[in-house]
Amino acid sequence: MRRAVLFDLDGVLVDSRAAQLATLAGFATSALDRRITIDDLPPEAETTPREQVLAPLGLDGAIDENGWDAATATATLVTEVFPFVAETLTKLRAADVATGIVTLRSRRRLHWLLPPDVIGLLDTVVCYEDATPKPAPDGLLLALDRLGAAPSSTVFVGDTEADMHAARAAGVTAVGAGWGFAGPDALTRTGADLVLSEPADLTSVLLRLIGFHS
């Protein structure tokens, strides 16, 4: 069985907090025909399901995906891949470690967040439409099946409580990305096996956790 490292996308590999909030505010402005700013959004809106954020603002019914795409396309212009990402993925590949993403993003929006060269370093990508979303473990288990990896030799790096719950349910090592949305304290309370405040020496930490020996 292969060793594997799986990552969440938003907040872990991509600095998208501002873009997520801007998407919510921009979509609400268009859908409700009145100006909604980021300040009008509830606390922790970036980690809350979008329906729960938008309903108190007055949005009834299903979300129009074309409208959401339009808001996302504009907002994600400000997203950036974190500087450590390409180097970390390259080093993991050199060590014959399989890598993948398990994200709540739709596949059709993936390329707005990740450039082709980064996507090319990944062995699999599991998106919202591929499996029951986190905190269910289904997406992680699907990624493991695709990669031929065992939970005992896999790490999942996530930045929300849902990520940690999914990792534990899937039986993989749960690593909290403290630089992401929820923050170190929330990740620790949720039961992460390890919480990293910063991604310094991330590759060596991940290799150690999956039992890699050079």
C-alpha atoms as a PDB file:
ATOM      1  CA  MET A   1       0.000   0.000   0.000  1.00  0.00           C
ATOM      2  CA  ARG A   2       1.212   3.495  -0.806  1.00  0.00           C
ATOM      3  CA  ARG A   3       1.802   6.251   1.683  1.00  0.00           C
ATOM      4  CA  ALA A   4      -0.312   9.337   1.065  1.00  0.00           C
ATOM      5  CA  VAL A   5      -0.795  12.947   2.137  1.00  0.00           C
ATOM      6  CA  LEU A   6      -4.155  14.570   1.479  1.00  0.00           C
ATOM      7  CA  PHE A   7      -4.941  18.266   1.790  1.00  0.00           C
ATOM      8  CA  ASP A   8      -7.973  20.464   2.099  1.00  0.00           C
ATOM      9  CA  LEU A   9      -7.865  23.317  -0.414  1.00  0.00           C
ATOM     10  CA  ASP A  10      -9.209  26.604   0.970  1.00  0.00           C
ATOM     11  CA  GLY A  11      -7.098  27.979   3.796  1.00  0.00           C
ATOM     12  CA  VAL A  12      -4.577  25.139   3.575  1.00  0.00           C
ATOM     13  CA  LEU A  13      -3.093  25.380   0.085  1.00  0.00           C
ATOM     14  CA  VAL A  14      -4.787  28.583  -1.036  1.00  0.00           C
ATOM     15  CA  ASP A  15      -5.126  31.853   0.847  1.00  0.00           C
ATOM     16  CA  SER A  16      -8.809  32.332   0.065  1.00  0.00           C
ATOM     17  CA  ARG A  17     -10.401  33.724   3.236  1.00  0.00           C
ATOM     18  CA  ALA A  18     -10.963  37.174   1.723  1.00  0.00           C
ATOM     19  CA  ALA A  19     -12.238  35.644  -1.518  1.00  0.00           C
ATOM     20  CA  GLN A  20     -14.750  33.443   0.286  1.00  0.00           C
ATOM     21  CA  LEU A  21     -16.178  36.402   2.186  1.00  0.00           C
ATOM     22  CA  ALA A  22     -16.247  38.535  -0.964  1.00  0.00           C
ATOM     23  CA  THR A  23     -18.085  35.768  -2.825  1.00  0.00           C
ATOM     24  CA  LEU A  24     -20.755  35.587  -0.145  1.00  0.00           C
ATOM     25  CA  ALA A  25     -21.221  39.354  -0.049  1.00  0.00           C
ATOM     26  CA  GLY A  26     -21.176  39.718  -3.824  1.00  0.00           C
ATOM     27  CA  PHE A  27     -23.663  36.915  -4.402  1.00  0.00           C
ATOM     28  CA  ALA A  28     -25.997  38.238  -1.697  1.00  0.00           C
ATOM     29  CA  THR A  29     -25.847  41.738  -3.192  1.00  0.00           C
ATOM     30  CA  SER A  30     -26.871  40.428  -6.605  1.00  0.00           C
ATOM     31  CA  ALA A  31     -29.498  37.969  -5.375  1.00  0.00           C
ATOM     32  CA  LEU A  32     -31.162  40.354  -2.924  1.00  0.00           C
ATOM     33  CA  ASP A  33     -30.785  43.483  -5.061  1.00  0.00           C
ATOM     34  CA  ARG A  34     -29.366  45.471  -2.172  1.00  0.00           C
ATOM     35  CA  ARG A  35     -25.818  46.124  -1.087  1.00  0.00           C
ATOM     36  CA  ILE A  36     -24.368  43.499   1.253  1.00  0.00           C
ATOM     37  CA  THR A  37     -20.849  44.045   2.553  1.00  0.00           C
ATOM     38  CA  ILE A  38     -18.462  41.690   4.282  1.00  0.00           C
ATOM     39  CA  ASP A  39     -19.273  43.496   7.534  1.00  0.00           C
ATOM     40  CA  ASP A  40     -22.898  42.389   7.133  1.00  0.00           C
ATOM     41  CA  LEU A  41     -21.929  38.724   7.188  1.00  0.00           C
ATOM     42  CA  PRO A  42     -22.156  36.721  10.432  1.00  0.00           C
ATOM     43  CA  PRO A  43     -19.051  35.710  12.402  1.00  0.00           C
ATOM     44  CA  GLU A  44     -17.166  32.727  10.972  1.00  0.00           C
ATOM     45  CA  ALA A  45     -19.017  33.080   7.680  1.00  0.00           C
ATOM     46  CA  GLU A  46     -16.009  31.700   5.800  1.00  0.00           C
ATOM     47  CA  THR A  47     -16.297  28.332   7.599  1.00  0.00           C
ATOM     48  CA  THR A  48     -20.103  28.147   7.689  1.00  0.00           C
ATOM     49  CA  PRO A  49     -22.162  26.446   4.935  1.00  0.00           C
ATOM     50  CA  ARG A  50     -23.187  29.161   2.521  1.00  0.00           C
ATOM     51  CA  GLU A  51     -26.911  28.448   2.903  1.00  0.00           C
ATOM     52  CA  GLN A  52     -26.655  29.129   6.638  1.00  0.00           C
ATOM     53  CA  VAL A  53     -24.870  32.414   5.969  1.00  0.00           C
ATOM     54  CA  LEU A  54     -27.273  33.650   3.316  1.00  0.00           C
ATOM     55  CA  ALA A  55     -30.617  32.636   4.844  1.00  0.00           C
ATOM     56  CA  PRO A  56     -30.530  35.205   7.702  1.00  0.00           C
ATOM     57  CA  LEU A  57     -29.786  37.894   5.117  1.00  0.00           C
ATOM     58  CA  GLY A  58     -33.069  37.093   3.404  1.00  0.00           C
ATOM     59  CA  LEU A  59     -32.185  34.576   0.700  1.00  0.00           C
ATOM     60  CA  ASP A  60     -34.922  31.947   0.315  1.00  0.00           C
ATOM     61  CA  GLY A  61     -34.708  28.825  -1.800  1.00  0.00           C
ATOM     62  CA  ALA A  62     -31.872  27.182  -3.681  1.00  0.00           C
ATOM     63  CA  ILE A  63     -28.710  29.028  -4.561  1.00  0.00           C
ATOM     64  CA  ASP A  64     -28.392  29.916  -8.241  1.00  0.00           C
ATOM     65  CA  GLU A  65     -25.127  28.274  -9.247  1.00  0.00           C
ATOM     66  CA  ASN A  66     -24.574  30.532 -12.241  1.00  0.00           C
ATOM     67  CA  GLY A  67     -24.870  33.546  -9.973  1.00  0.00           C
ATOM     68  CA  TRP A  68     -22.523  31.922  -7.482  1.00  0.00           C
ATOM     69  CA  ASP A  69     -20.024  31.265 -10.285  1.00  0.00           C
ATOM     70  CA  ALA A  70     -20.145  34.913 -11.312  1.00  0.00           C
ATOM     71  CA  ALA A  71     -19.455  36.078  -7.751  1.00  0.00           C
ATOM     72  CA  THR A  72     -16.711  33.493  -7.300  1.00  0.00           C
ATOM     73  CA  ALA A  73     -14.984  34.346 -10.565  1.00  0.00           C
ATOM     74  CA  THR A  74     -14.608  37.951  -9.479  1.00  0.00           C
ATOM     75  CA  ALA A  75     -13.670  37.244  -5.860  1.00  0.00           C
ATOM     76  CA  THR A  76     -11.051  34.580  -6.585  1.00  0.00           C
ATOM     77  CA  LEU A  77      -8.962  37.055  -8.546  1.00  0.00           C
ATOM     78  CA  VAL A  78      -7.403  37.953  -5.184  1.00  0.00           C
ATOM     79  CA  THR A  79      -6.556  34.383  -4.109  1.00  0.00           C
ATOM     80  CA  GLU A  80      -2.987  33.170  -3.941  1.00  0.00           C
ATOM     81  CA  VAL A  81      -1.439  29.741  -3.538  1.00  0.00           C
ATOM     82  CA  PHE A  82       0.660  29.712  -0.377  1.00  0.00           C
ATOM     83  CA  PRO A  83       4.424  29.881  -1.113  1.00  0.00           C
ATOM     84  CA  PHE A  84       5.186  26.464   0.398  1.00  0.00           C
ATOM     85  CA  VAL A  85       2.764  24.484  -1.773  1.00  0.00           C
ATOM     86  CA  ALA A  86       4.727  23.705  -4.941  1.00  0.00           C
ATOM     87  CA  GLU A  87       7.899  22.813  -3.050  1.00  0.00           C
ATOM     88  CA  THR A  88       6.038  20.570  -0.588  1.00  0.00           C
ATOM     89  CA  LEU A  89       4.173  18.694  -3.318  1.00  0.00           C
ATOM     90  CA  THR A  90       7.364  18.291  -5.348  1.00  0.00           C
ATOM     91  CA  LYS A  91       9.288  16.858  -2.382  1.00  0.00           C
ATOM     92  CA  LEU A  92       6.481  14.456  -1.511  1.00  0.00           C
ATOM     93  CA  ARG A  93       6.378  13.208  -5.091  1.00  0.00           C
ATOM     94  CA  ALA A  94      10.161  12.722  -5.053  1.00  0.00           C
ATOM     95  CA  ALA A  95       9.723  10.557  -1.936  1.00  0.00           C
ATOM     96  CA  ASP A  96       7.097   8.447  -3.797  1.00  0.00           C
ATOM     97  CA  VAL A  97       4.311   9.715  -1.546  1.00  0.00           C
ATOM     98  CA  ALA A  98       0.901  10.012  -3.213  1.00  0.00           C
ATOM     99  CA  THR A  99      -0.855  13.349  -2.810  1.00  0.00           C
ATOM    100  CA  GLY A 100      -4.375  14.619  -3.266  1.00  0.00           C
ATOM    101  CA  ILE A 101      -6.962  17.225  -2.389  1.00  0.00           C
ATOM    102  CA  VAL A 102     -10.331  16.641  -0.743  1.00  0.00           C
ATOM    103  CA  THR A 103     -12.337  19.847  -1.005  1.00  0.00           C
ATOM    104  CA  LEU A 104     -15.843  21.207  -0.689  1.00  0.00           C
ATOM    105  CA  ARG A 105     -15.258  23.188  -3.882  1.00  0.00           C
ATOM    106  CA  SER A 106     -16.971  22.157  -7.092  1.00  0.00           C
ATOM    107  CA  ARG A 107     -14.673  20.747  -9.761  1.00  0.00           C
ATOM    108  CA  ARG A 108     -15.690  23.453 -12.217  1.00  0.00           C
ATOM    109  CA  ARG A 109     -14.264  26.085  -9.845  1.00  0.00           C
ATOM    110  CA  LEU A 110     -10.993  24.300  -9.087  1.00  0.00           C
ATOM    111  CA  HIS A 111      -9.019  26.012 -11.854  1.00  0.00           C
ATOM    112  CA  TRP A 112      -9.979  29.437 -10.514  1.00  0.00           C
ATOM    113  CA  LEU A 113      -7.989  28.652  -7.387  1.00  0.00           C
ATOM    114  CA  LEU A 114      -5.099  26.445  -8.475  1.00  0.00           C
ATOM    115  CA  PRO A 115      -2.804  26.968 -11.475  1.00  0.00           C
ATOM    116  CA  PRO A 116      -2.220  24.014 -13.819  1.00  0.00           C
ATOM    117  CA  ASP A 117       1.345  23.417 -12.609  1.00  0.00           C
ATOM    118  CA  VAL A 118       0.123  22.829  -9.054  1.00  0.00           C
ATOM    119  CA  ILE A 119      -2.763  20.604 -10.162  1.00  0.00           C
ATOM    120  CA  GLY A 120      -0.209  18.616 -12.159  1.00  0.00           C
ATOM    121  CA  LEU A 121       1.652  17.766  -8.951  1.00  0.00           C
ATOM    122  CA  LEU A 122      -1.419  16.064  -7.441  1.00  0.00           C
ATOM    123  CA  ASP A 123      -2.344  12.411  -7.915  1.00  0.00           C
ATOM    124  CA  THR A 124      -6.064  12.857  -7.232  1.00  0.00           C
ATOM    125  CA  VAL A 125      -8.620  15.559  -6.512  1.00  0.00           C
ATOM    126  CA  VAL A 126     -11.936  14.799  -4.787  1.00  0.00           C
ATOM    127  CA  CYS A 127     -14.477  17.606  -5.126  1.00  0.00           C
ATOM    128  CA  TYR A 128     -17.913  18.381  -3.704  1.00  0.00           C
ATOM    129  CA  GLU A 129     -19.806  16.420  -6.332  1.00  0.00           C
ATOM    130  CA  ASP A 130     -17.660  13.282  -6.006  1.00  0.00           C
ATOM    131  CA  ALA A 131     -18.651  12.199  -2.491  1.00  0.00           C
ATOM    132  CA  THR A 132     -20.687  13.156   0.566  1.00  0.00           C
ATOM    133  CA  PRO A 133     -18.996  16.345   1.835  1.00  0.00           C
ATOM    134  CA  LYS A 134     -16.949  16.639   4.993  1.00  0.00           C
ATOM    135  CA  PRO A 135     -17.383  16.123   7.923  1.00  0.00           C
ATOM    136  CA  ALA A 136     -18.373  12.764   6.423  1.00  0.00           C
ATOM    137  CA  PRO A 137     -15.276  10.643   5.680  1.00  0.00           C
ATOM    138  CA  ASP A 138     -16.493   9.623   2.212  1.00  0.00           C
ATOM    139  CA  GLY A 139     -14.247  11.995   0.245  1.00  0.00           C
ATOM    140  CA  LEU A 140     -11.140  10.905   2.121  1.00  0.00           C
ATOM    141  CA  LEU A 141     -12.000   7.243   1.685  1.00  0.00           C
ATOM    142  CA  LEU A 142     -12.559   7.784  -2.038  1.00  0.00           C
ATOM    143  CA  ALA A 143      -9.147   9.431  -2.327  1.00  0.00           C
ATOM    144  CA  LEU A 144      -7.515   6.529  -0.468  1.00  0.00           C
ATOM    145  CA  ASP A 145      -9.186   4.046  -2.790  1.00  0.00           C
ATOM    146  CA  ARG A 146      -7.991   5.924  -5.862  1.00  0.00           C
ATOM    147  CA  LEU A 147      -4.440   6.125  -4.540  1.00  0.00           C
ATOM    148  CA  GLY A 148      -4.220   2.597  -3.183  1.00  0.00           C
ATOM    149  CA  ALA A 149      -3.282   3.933   0.247  1.00  0.00           C
ATOM    150  CA  ALA A 150      -4.179   2.667   3.699  1.00  0.00           C
ATOM    151  CA  PRO A 151      -5.606   4.994   6.389  1.00  0.00           C
ATOM    152  CA  SER A 152      -2.800   3.996   8.744  1.00  0.00           C
ATOM    153  CA  SER A 153      -0.208   5.404   6.334  1.00  0.00           C
ATOM    154  CA  THR A 154      -2.115   8.553   5.353  1.00  0.00           C
ATOM    155  CA  VAL A 155      -2.197  12.098   6.715  1.00  0.00           C
ATOM    156  CA  PHE A 156      -4.916  14.660   6.031  1.00  0.00           C
ATOM    157  CA  VAL A 157      -4.036  18.333   6.464  1.00  0.00           C
ATOM    158  CA  GLY A 158      -7.107  20.482   7.083  1.00  0.00           C
ATOM    159  CA  ASP A 159      -7.985  23.804   8.669  1.00  0.00           C
ATOM    160  CA  THR A 160     -11.570  23.399   9.922  1.00  0.00           C
ATOM    161  CA  GLU A 161     -13.398  21.351  12.501  1.00  0.00           C
ATOM    162  CA  ALA A 162     -15.180  19.480   9.689  1.00  0.00           C
ATOM    163  CA  ASP A 163     -11.782  18.490   8.281  1.00  0.00           C
ATOM    164  CA  MET A 164     -10.664  17.050  11.613  1.00  0.00           C
ATOM    165  CA  HIS A 165     -13.912  15.136  12.090  1.00  0.00           C
ATOM    166  CA  ALA A 166     -13.631  13.676   8.590  1.00  0.00           C
ATOM    167  CA  ALA A 167     -10.018  12.623   9.125  1.00  0.00           C
ATOM    168  CA  ARG A 168     -10.766  10.874  12.395  1.00  0.00           C
ATOM    169  CA  ALA A 169     -13.805   9.127  10.916  1.00  0.00           C
ATOM    170  CA  ALA A 170     -11.680   7.901   8.011  1.00  0.00           C
ATOM    171  CA  GLY A 171      -8.977   6.620  10.354  1.00  0.00           C
ATOM    172  CA  VAL A 172      -6.208   8.834   8.972  1.00  0.00           C
ATOM    173  CA  THR A 173      -3.840  11.066  10.923  1.00  0.00           C
ATOM    174  CA  ALA A 174      -5.463  14.473  11.358  1.00  0.00           C
ATOM    175  CA  VAL A 175      -3.091  17.434  11.026  1.00  0.00           C
ATOM    176  CA  GLY A 176      -4.505  20.865  11.741  1.00  0.00           C
ATOM    177  CA  ALA A 177      -3.302  23.729   9.559  1.00  0.00           C
ATOM    178  CA  GLY A 178      -3.274  26.539  12.092  1.00  0.00           C
ATOM    179  CA  TRP A 179      -2.593  29.125   9.377  1.00  0.00           C
ATOM    180  CA  GLY A 180      -6.034  28.450   7.887  1.00  0.00           C
ATOM    181  CA  PHE A 181      -9.617  29.427   8.659  1.00  0.00           C
ATOM    182  CA  ALA A 182     -10.413  27.975  12.085  1.00  0.00           C
ATOM    183  CA  GLY A 183      -7.122  28.599  13.911  1.00  0.00           C
ATOM    184  CA  PRO A 184      -5.008  26.376  16.180  1.00  0.00           C
ATOM    185  CA  ASP A 185      -7.246  26.449  19.259  1.00  0.00           C
ATOM    186  CA  ALA A 186     -10.351  25.223  17.441  1.00  0.00           C
ATOM    187  CA  LEU A 187      -8.388  22.478  15.701  1.00  0.00           C
ATOM    188  CA  THR A 188      -6.914  21.301  18.981  1.00  0.00           C
ATOM    189  CA  ARG A 189     -10.339  21.192  20.638  1.00  0.00           C
ATOM    190  CA  THR A 190     -11.698  19.160  17.735  1.00  0.00           C
ATOM    191  CA  GLY A 191      -9.124  16.441  18.331  1.00  0.00           C
ATOM    192  CA  ALA A 192      -6.406  16.961  15.733  1.00  0.00           C
ATOM    193  CA  ASP A 193      -3.488  14.591  16.195  1.00  0.00           C
ATOM    194  CA  LEU A 194      -1.116  17.473  15.537  1.00  0.00           C
ATOM    195  CA  VAL A 195      -1.656  21.196  15.010  1.00  0.00           C
ATOM    196  CA  LEU A 196       0.899  23.290  13.151  1.00  0.00           C
ATOM    197  CA  SER A 197       0.783  27.054  13.620  1.00  0.00           C
ATOM    198  CA  GLU A 198       2.853  27.652  10.479  1.00  0.00           C
ATOM    199  CA  PRO A 199       3.838  25.476   7.507  1.00  0.00           C
ATOM    200  CA  ALA A 200       7.552  25.644   8.304  1.00  0.00           C
ATOM    201  CA  ASP A 201       9.265  22.258   7.742  1.00  0.00           C
ATOM    202  CA  LEU A 202       5.906  20.879   6.633  1.00  0.00           C
ATOM    203  CA  THR A 203       7.378  18.253   4.313  1.00  0.00           C
ATOM    204  CA  SER A 204       9.617  16.695   6.952  1.00  0.00           C
ATOM    205  CA  VAL A 205       6.757  16.656   9.465  1.00  0.00           C
ATOM    206  CA  LEU A 206       4.427  14.918   7.016  1.00  0.00           C
ATOM    207  CA  LEU A 207       7.039  12.348   6.025  1.00  0.00           C
ATOM    208  CA  ARG A 208       7.690  11.538   9.663  1.00  0.00           C
ATOM    209  CA  LEU A 209       3.987  11.096  10.376  1.00  0.00           C
ATOM    210  CA  ILE A 210       3.518   8.541   7.605  1.00  0.00           C
ATOM    211  CA  GLY A 211       6.575   6.608   8.687  1.00  0.00           C
ATOM    212  CA  PHE A 212       8.853   7.539   5.820  1.00  0.00           C
ATOM    213  CA  HIS A 213      12.533   6.761   6.316  1.00  0.00           C
ATOM    214  CA  SER A 214      15.101   8.025   3.831  1.00  0.00           C
END
